[in-house]
Amino acid sequence: MPADAPSPENVLVQALTLLVARWSSPNVQRAVAQSAGVTVDAADVSALYVLGLHGPLRAGDLAEAMHISRPTVSKQLSRLERAGMIRRESDPVDGRATIVGLSAEGAAAHRRLLAQGTRMMRHALRDKTRDDAAALAAQVAELVARLGVTDFPGDSAGDTPRPHPERRSEEDQS
């Protein structure tokens, strides 16, 4: 490697920073939602993803999982409820608390969002063999785990994120 070439670690930091910034931007989330036929505010797409991946949660746990404030998640949940995407139920453990989960319409929207994301990944990986794409996926999952990134508060840092088979889209299973 030439002396002036950036280190692999530096390249990864820059690439991951750019990926996260672009993927989470309102413009990209709006475009993904529109192409998936999901009509919600771009700011609310991430709540659909988290609820779809983890199932029903208390609003505070959702805020923590999304790394946003409780008032922000409360606004998102109000919009999603008006759009028919979520349902609220009493917490069976603590009747004073409320659990928020996807409605049937919200679950369908989540499946469409995941299918659109899968199509985007397939397009990005179109020049890779199936084995190379699988190896890259495994390497990224391992990197995420080694960085101690968890996919939900309370998860053990360092565990490799695993797909939830019962929540996989049909396109994901092909």
Protein backbone atom coordinates (compact mmCIF):
# COMPACT_ATOMS: atom_id res chain seq x y z
CA MET A 1 0.00 0.00 0.00
CA PRO A 2 1.50 3.40 -0.96
CA ALA A 3 2.45 5.61 2.01
CA ASP A 4 -0.15 8.25 1.10
CA ALA A 5 -2.99 5.74 0.63
CA PRO A 6 -5.63 5.73 3.37
CA SER A 7 -5.67 2.74 5.65
CA PRO A 8 -8.43 0.12 5.25
CA GLU A 9 -9.83 1.28 8.59
CA ASN A 10 -10.02 4.87 7.37
CA VAL A 11 -11.70 3.80 4.15
CA LEU A 12 -14.26 1.78 6.14
CA VAL A 13 -14.99 4.66 8.53
CA GLN A 14 -15.54 7.02 5.62
CA ALA A 15 -17.66 4.56 3.62
CA LEU A 16 -19.83 3.55 6.60
CA THR A 17 -20.32 7.18 7.63
CA LEU A 18 -21.42 8.07 4.12
CA LEU A 19 -23.71 5.01 3.91
CA VAL A 20 -25.44 5.75 7.21
CA ALA A 21 -25.82 9.45 6.41
CA ARG A 22 -27.29 8.78 2.97
CA TRP A 23 -29.48 5.82 3.94
CA SER A 24 -31.02 7.63 6.90
CA SER A 25 -31.54 10.91 5.06
CA PRO A 26 -35.15 12.02 4.60
CA ASN A 27 -34.71 12.11 0.79
CA VAL A 28 -33.58 8.48 0.60
CA GLN A 29 -36.20 7.28 3.10
CA ARG A 30 -38.90 9.17 1.17
CA ALA A 31 -37.75 7.62 -2.11
CA VAL A 32 -37.63 4.10 -0.65
CA ALA A 33 -41.08 4.51 0.91
CA GLN A 34 -42.57 5.91 -2.30
CA SER A 35 -41.08 3.16 -4.45
CA ALA A 36 -42.44 0.60 -1.97
CA GLY A 37 -45.89 2.20 -2.08
CA VAL A 38 -45.72 3.23 1.58
CA THR A 39 -47.32 6.62 2.20
CA VAL A 40 -45.90 7.88 5.48
CA ASP A 41 -43.74 10.84 6.41
CA ALA A 42 -40.08 10.13 5.60
CA ALA A 43 -39.21 10.74 9.27
CA ASP A 44 -41.52 7.88 10.30
CA VAL A 45 -40.07 5.16 8.07
CA SER A 46 -37.43 4.18 10.63
CA ALA A 47 -40.12 3.55 13.28
CA LEU A 48 -41.80 1.14 10.86
CA TYR A 49 -38.48 -0.65 10.36
CA VAL A 50 -37.77 -0.96 14.09
CA LEU A 51 -41.28 -2.11 15.01
CA GLY A 52 -41.24 -4.57 12.13
CA LEU A 53 -37.89 -6.03 13.15
CA HIS A 54 -38.46 -6.17 16.90
CA GLY A 55 -42.21 -6.45 17.32
CA PRO A 56 -44.33 -4.48 19.78
CA LEU A 57 -42.49 -2.13 22.15
CA ARG A 58 -43.17 0.53 24.73
CA ALA A 59 -42.76 4.02 23.25
CA GLY A 60 -39.72 4.68 25.48
CA ASP A 61 -38.04 1.48 24.30
CA LEU A 62 -38.75 2.44 20.69
CA ALA A 63 -37.17 5.87 21.29
CA GLU A 64 -34.12 4.20 22.82
CA ALA A 65 -33.81 1.71 19.96
CA MET A 66 -34.02 4.54 17.43
CA HIS A 67 -31.68 6.83 19.42
CA ILE A 68 -34.21 9.65 19.45
CA SER A 69 -36.09 11.52 22.17
CA ARG A 70 -39.39 10.36 23.62
CA PRO A 71 -41.22 13.49 22.39
CA THR A 72 -39.94 12.84 18.86
CA VAL A 73 -41.06 9.21 18.90
CA SER A 74 -44.42 10.30 20.35
CA LYS A 75 -44.98 12.58 17.33
CA GLN A 76 -43.96 9.80 14.96
CA LEU A 77 -46.33 7.35 16.62
CA SER A 78 -49.20 9.83 16.41
CA ARG A 79 -48.63 10.23 12.67
CA LEU A 80 -48.30 6.47 12.16
CA GLU A 81 -51.47 5.86 14.18
CA ARG A 82 -53.40 8.39 12.05
CA ALA A 83 -52.06 6.60 8.95
CA GLY A 84 -53.34 3.27 10.31
CA MET A 85 -49.83 1.79 10.52
CA ILE A 86 -49.69 1.04 14.26
CA ARG A 87 -51.91 -0.16 17.07
CA ARG A 88 -51.63 0.57 20.77
CA GLU A 89 -52.43 -1.99 23.45
CA SER A 90 -52.16 -2.18 27.22
CA ASP A 91 -48.92 -3.70 28.44
CA PRO A 92 -49.87 -7.13 29.86
CA VAL A 93 -47.14 -6.79 32.50
CA ASP A 94 -47.96 -3.21 33.53
CA GLY A 95 -51.50 -2.11 32.70
CA ARG A 96 -50.51 1.54 33.13
CA ALA A 97 -48.13 1.31 30.18
CA THR A 98 -48.88 1.02 26.48
CA ILE A 99 -47.29 -1.25 23.92
CA VAL A 100 -47.08 -0.10 20.32
CA GLY A 101 -47.02 -2.56 17.44
CA LEU A 102 -47.65 -2.64 13.73
CA SER A 103 -51.22 -2.97 12.53
CA ALA A 104 -51.94 -5.33 9.63
CA GLU A 105 -51.46 -2.36 7.29
CA GLY A 106 -48.22 -1.41 9.05
CA ALA A 107 -46.90 -4.98 8.81
CA ALA A 108 -47.68 -5.01 5.09
CA ALA A 109 -45.88 -1.67 4.69
CA HIS A 110 -42.88 -3.07 6.59
CA ARG A 111 -42.74 -6.08 4.26
CA ARG A 112 -42.84 -3.77 1.22
CA LEU A 113 -40.06 -1.60 2.66
CA LEU A 114 -37.88 -4.66 3.27
CA ALA A 115 -38.61 -5.97 -0.22
CA GLN A 116 -37.60 -2.61 -1.68
CA GLY A 117 -34.40 -2.63 0.37
CA THR A 118 -33.66 -6.15 -0.86
CA ARG A 119 -34.14 -5.00 -4.46
CA MET A 120 -31.76 -2.10 -3.83
CA MET A 121 -29.13 -4.47 -2.38
CA ARG A 122 -29.53 -6.88 -5.28
CA HIS A 123 -29.00 -4.01 -7.69
CA ALA A 124 -25.91 -2.82 -5.79
CA LEU A 125 -24.52 -6.38 -5.75
CA ARG A 126 -25.49 -7.23 -9.33
CA ASP A 127 -21.87 -7.77 -10.42
CA LYS A 128 -21.06 -10.07 -7.49
CA THR A 129 -21.51 -13.82 -7.49
CA ARG A 130 -24.00 -15.23 -4.99
CA ASP A 131 -21.08 -16.57 -2.92
CA ASP A 132 -19.27 -13.19 -2.99
CA ALA A 133 -22.47 -11.39 -1.96
CA ALA A 134 -22.99 -13.89 0.89
CA ALA A 135 -19.38 -13.45 2.02
CA LEU A 136 -19.73 -9.66 1.99
CA ALA A 137 -22.97 -9.88 3.99
CA ALA A 138 -21.29 -12.11 6.56
CA GLN A 139 -18.28 -9.78 6.80
CA VAL A 140 -20.47 -6.70 7.30
CA ALA A 141 -22.55 -8.49 9.96
CA GLU A 142 -19.38 -9.57 11.73
CA LEU A 143 -17.94 -6.04 11.53
CA VAL A 144 -21.13 -4.60 13.02
CA ALA A 145 -20.98 -7.15 15.83
CA ARG A 146 -17.30 -6.50 16.52
CA LEU A 147 -17.97 -2.78 16.73
CA GLY A 148 -20.42 -3.58 19.52
CA VAL A 149 -23.41 -2.30 17.60
CA THR A 150 -26.56 -3.93 18.89
CA ASP A 151 -29.82 -3.98 17.06
CA PHE A 152 -31.88 -3.30 20.20
CA PRO A 153 -31.26 -2.03 23.75
CA GLY A 154 -30.44 -4.92 26.03
CA ASP A 155 -28.94 -7.07 23.26
CA SER A 156 -25.48 -8.37 23.99
CA ALA A 157 -22.86 -6.28 22.24
CA GLY A 158 -20.82 -8.44 19.95
CA ASP A 159 -23.62 -10.81 18.96
CA THR A 160 -23.88 -11.07 15.21
CA PRO A 161 -27.22 -9.63 14.07
CA ARG A 162 -29.38 -12.41 12.70
CA PRO A 163 -32.46 -12.14 10.51
CA HIS A 164 -35.77 -12.98 12.12
CA PRO A 165 -36.96 -15.94 9.99
CA GLU A 166 -40.60 -15.40 10.91
CA ARG A 167 -40.35 -11.84 9.66
CA ARG A 168 -38.43 -12.39 6.41
CA SER A 169 -40.04 -11.23 3.22
CA GLU A 170 -40.88 -13.67 0.47
CA GLU A 171 -38.27 -12.01 -1.73
CA ASP A 172 -35.66 -12.54 1.02
CA GLN A 173 -36.40 -16.28 1.01
CA SER A 174 -35.84 -16.78 -2.72
